[in-house]
Amino acid sequence: MKGHTNSRYNLGIYDEYAGNMSRATKHYTIAAGLGDDECLNRVHKLFIHGHAGEDDLEKALYAYEGYVDMSRSEQIDSAPAS
């Protein structure tokens, strides 16, 4: 795991197919916080099908947005001055 989004995605898939939607949602949310938009989509699909709550979807979206904001800040900080 240790920051590898593919590992979290795979664990989420494994738990989802095993019927453990709560654990799958947690793995997907962690990966979404690392910038994996597919995992954000997986949480959304679980929400649509009634396997994740609205608060789960909000957590995943908040985590993903935090990653995007951080990435933008790093890009701005590393951009050459005009």
C-alpha atoms as a PDB file:
ATOM      1  CA  MET A   1       0.000   0.000   0.000  1.00  0.00           C
ATOM      2  CA  LYS A   2       2.349   2.786   1.217  1.00  0.00           C
ATOM      3  CA  GLY A   3       1.099   5.391  -1.241  1.00  0.00           C
ATOM      4  CA  HIS A   4       0.560   3.091  -4.203  1.00  0.00           C
ATOM      5  CA  THR A   5      -2.823   3.894  -5.673  1.00  0.00           C
ATOM      6  CA  ASN A   6      -2.875   0.704  -7.745  1.00  0.00           C
ATOM      7  CA  SER A   7      -2.534  -1.369  -4.587  1.00  0.00           C
ATOM      8  CA  ARG A   8      -5.430   0.456  -2.950  1.00  0.00           C
ATOM      9  CA  TYR A   9      -7.493   0.096  -6.127  1.00  0.00           C
ATOM     10  CA  ASN A  10      -6.801  -3.643  -6.245  1.00  0.00           C
ATOM     11  CA  LEU A  11      -7.650  -4.074  -2.572  1.00  0.00           C
ATOM     12  CA  GLY A  12     -10.866  -2.138  -3.148  1.00  0.00           C
ATOM     13  CA  ILE A  13     -11.803  -4.363  -6.078  1.00  0.00           C
ATOM     14  CA  TYR A  14     -11.040  -7.474  -4.028  1.00  0.00           C
ATOM     15  CA  ASP A  15     -13.195  -6.311  -1.114  1.00  0.00           C
ATOM     16  CA  GLU A  16     -15.964  -5.109  -3.413  1.00  0.00           C
ATOM     17  CA  TYR A  17     -16.227  -8.506  -5.109  1.00  0.00           C
ATOM     18  CA  ALA A  18     -16.043 -10.206  -1.699  1.00  0.00           C
ATOM     19  CA  GLY A  19     -19.060  -8.135  -0.636  1.00  0.00           C
ATOM     20  CA  ASN A  20     -17.218  -5.989   1.904  1.00  0.00           C
ATOM     21  CA  MET A  21     -18.367  -2.634   0.563  1.00  0.00           C
ATOM     22  CA  SER A  22     -17.277  -0.677   3.625  1.00  0.00           C
ATOM     23  CA  ARG A  23     -13.646  -1.775   3.299  1.00  0.00           C
ATOM     24  CA  ALA A  24     -13.748  -1.274  -0.478  1.00  0.00           C
ATOM     25  CA  THR A  25     -14.999   2.270   0.039  1.00  0.00           C
ATOM     26  CA  LYS A  26     -12.161   2.981   2.482  1.00  0.00           C
ATOM     27  CA  HIS A  27      -9.519   1.720   0.054  1.00  0.00           C
ATOM     28  CA  TYR A  28     -11.018   3.724  -2.804  1.00  0.00           C
ATOM     29  CA  THR A  29     -11.213   6.864  -0.652  1.00  0.00           C
ATOM     30  CA  ILE A  30      -7.555   6.603   0.330  1.00  0.00           C
ATOM     31  CA  ALA A  31      -6.556   6.183  -3.326  1.00  0.00           C
ATOM     32  CA  ALA A  32      -8.778   9.110  -4.325  1.00  0.00           C
ATOM     33  CA  GLY A  33      -6.851  11.186  -1.793  1.00  0.00           C
ATOM     34  CA  LEU A  34      -3.700  10.208  -3.677  1.00  0.00           C
ATOM     35  CA  GLY A  35      -5.169  11.500  -6.945  1.00  0.00           C
ATOM     36  CA  ASP A  36      -6.755   8.362  -8.414  1.00  0.00           C
ATOM     37  CA  ASP A  37      -9.871   9.571 -10.225  1.00  0.00           C
ATOM     38  CA  GLU A  38     -10.962   6.012 -11.061  1.00  0.00           C
ATOM     39  CA  CYS A  39     -11.250   5.256  -7.345  1.00  0.00           C
ATOM     40  CA  LEU A  40     -13.345   8.381  -6.903  1.00  0.00           C
ATOM     41  CA  ASN A  41     -15.603   7.037  -9.660  1.00  0.00           C
ATOM     42  CA  ARG A  42     -15.794   3.648  -7.887  1.00  0.00           C
ATOM     43  CA  VAL A  43     -17.017   5.322  -4.685  1.00  0.00           C
ATOM     44  CA  HIS A  44     -19.582   7.214  -6.746  1.00  0.00           C
ATOM     45  CA  LYS A  45     -20.816   3.958  -8.308  1.00  0.00           C
ATOM     46  CA  LEU A  46     -21.049   2.325  -4.870  1.00  0.00           C
ATOM     47  CA  PHE A  47     -23.080   5.325  -3.721  1.00  0.00           C
ATOM     48  CA  ILE A  48     -25.417   5.119  -6.724  1.00  0.00           C
ATOM     49  CA  HIS A  49     -26.061   1.437  -6.063  1.00  0.00           C
ATOM     50  CA  GLY A  50     -26.673   2.003  -2.360  1.00  0.00           C
ATOM     51  CA  HIS A  51     -23.465   0.411  -1.080  1.00  0.00           C
ATOM     52  CA  ALA A  52     -21.866   3.641   0.164  1.00  0.00           C
ATOM     53  CA  GLY A  53     -23.380   6.557   2.005  1.00  0.00           C
ATOM     54  CA  GLU A  54     -23.453  10.197   1.061  1.00  0.00           C
ATOM     55  CA  ASP A  55     -20.826  10.894   3.723  1.00  0.00           C
ATOM     56  CA  ASP A  56     -18.529   8.303   2.092  1.00  0.00           C
ATOM     57  CA  LEU A  57     -18.894  10.041  -1.248  1.00  0.00           C
ATOM     58  CA  GLU A  58     -18.220  13.425   0.349  1.00  0.00           C
ATOM     59  CA  LYS A  59     -15.065  12.101   2.054  1.00  0.00           C
ATOM     60  CA  ALA A  60     -13.758  10.674  -1.207  1.00  0.00           C
ATOM     61  CA  LEU A  61     -14.505  13.866  -3.107  1.00  0.00           C
ATOM     62  CA  TYR A  62     -12.931  16.001  -0.391  1.00  0.00           C
ATOM     63  CA  ALA A  63      -9.814  13.795  -0.384  1.00  0.00           C
ATOM     64  CA  TYR A  64      -9.512  13.969  -4.183  1.00  0.00           C
ATOM     65  CA  GLU A  65      -9.998  17.735  -4.221  1.00  0.00           C
ATOM     66  CA  GLY A  66      -7.308  18.080  -1.558  1.00  0.00           C
ATOM     67  CA  TYR A  67      -4.890  16.203  -3.791  1.00  0.00           C
ATOM     68  CA  VAL A  68      -5.772  18.363  -6.808  1.00  0.00           C
ATOM     69  CA  ASP A  69      -5.360  21.568  -4.802  1.00  0.00           C
ATOM     70  CA  MET A  70      -1.999  20.406  -3.467  1.00  0.00           C
ATOM     71  CA  SER A  71      -0.826  19.525  -6.983  1.00  0.00           C
ATOM     72  CA  ARG A  72      -1.810  22.931  -8.279  1.00  0.00           C
ATOM     73  CA  SER A  73       0.021  24.654  -5.439  1.00  0.00           C
ATOM     74  CA  GLU A  74       3.172  22.664  -6.162  1.00  0.00           C
ATOM     75  CA  GLN A  75       2.951  23.563  -9.862  1.00  0.00           C
ATOM     76  CA  ILE A  76       2.527  27.241  -9.047  1.00  0.00           C
ATOM     77  CA  ASP A  77       5.433  27.176  -6.570  1.00  0.00           C
ATOM     78  CA  SER A  78       7.743  25.510  -9.078  1.00  0.00           C
ATOM     79  CA  ALA A  79       6.770  27.694 -12.053  1.00  0.00           C
ATOM     80  CA  PRO A  80       9.466  30.093 -13.238  1.00  0.00           C
ATOM     81  CA  ALA A  81       8.868  33.753 -12.402  1.00  0.00           C
ATOM     82  CA  SER A  82       7.961  35.940 -15.347  1.00  0.00           C
END
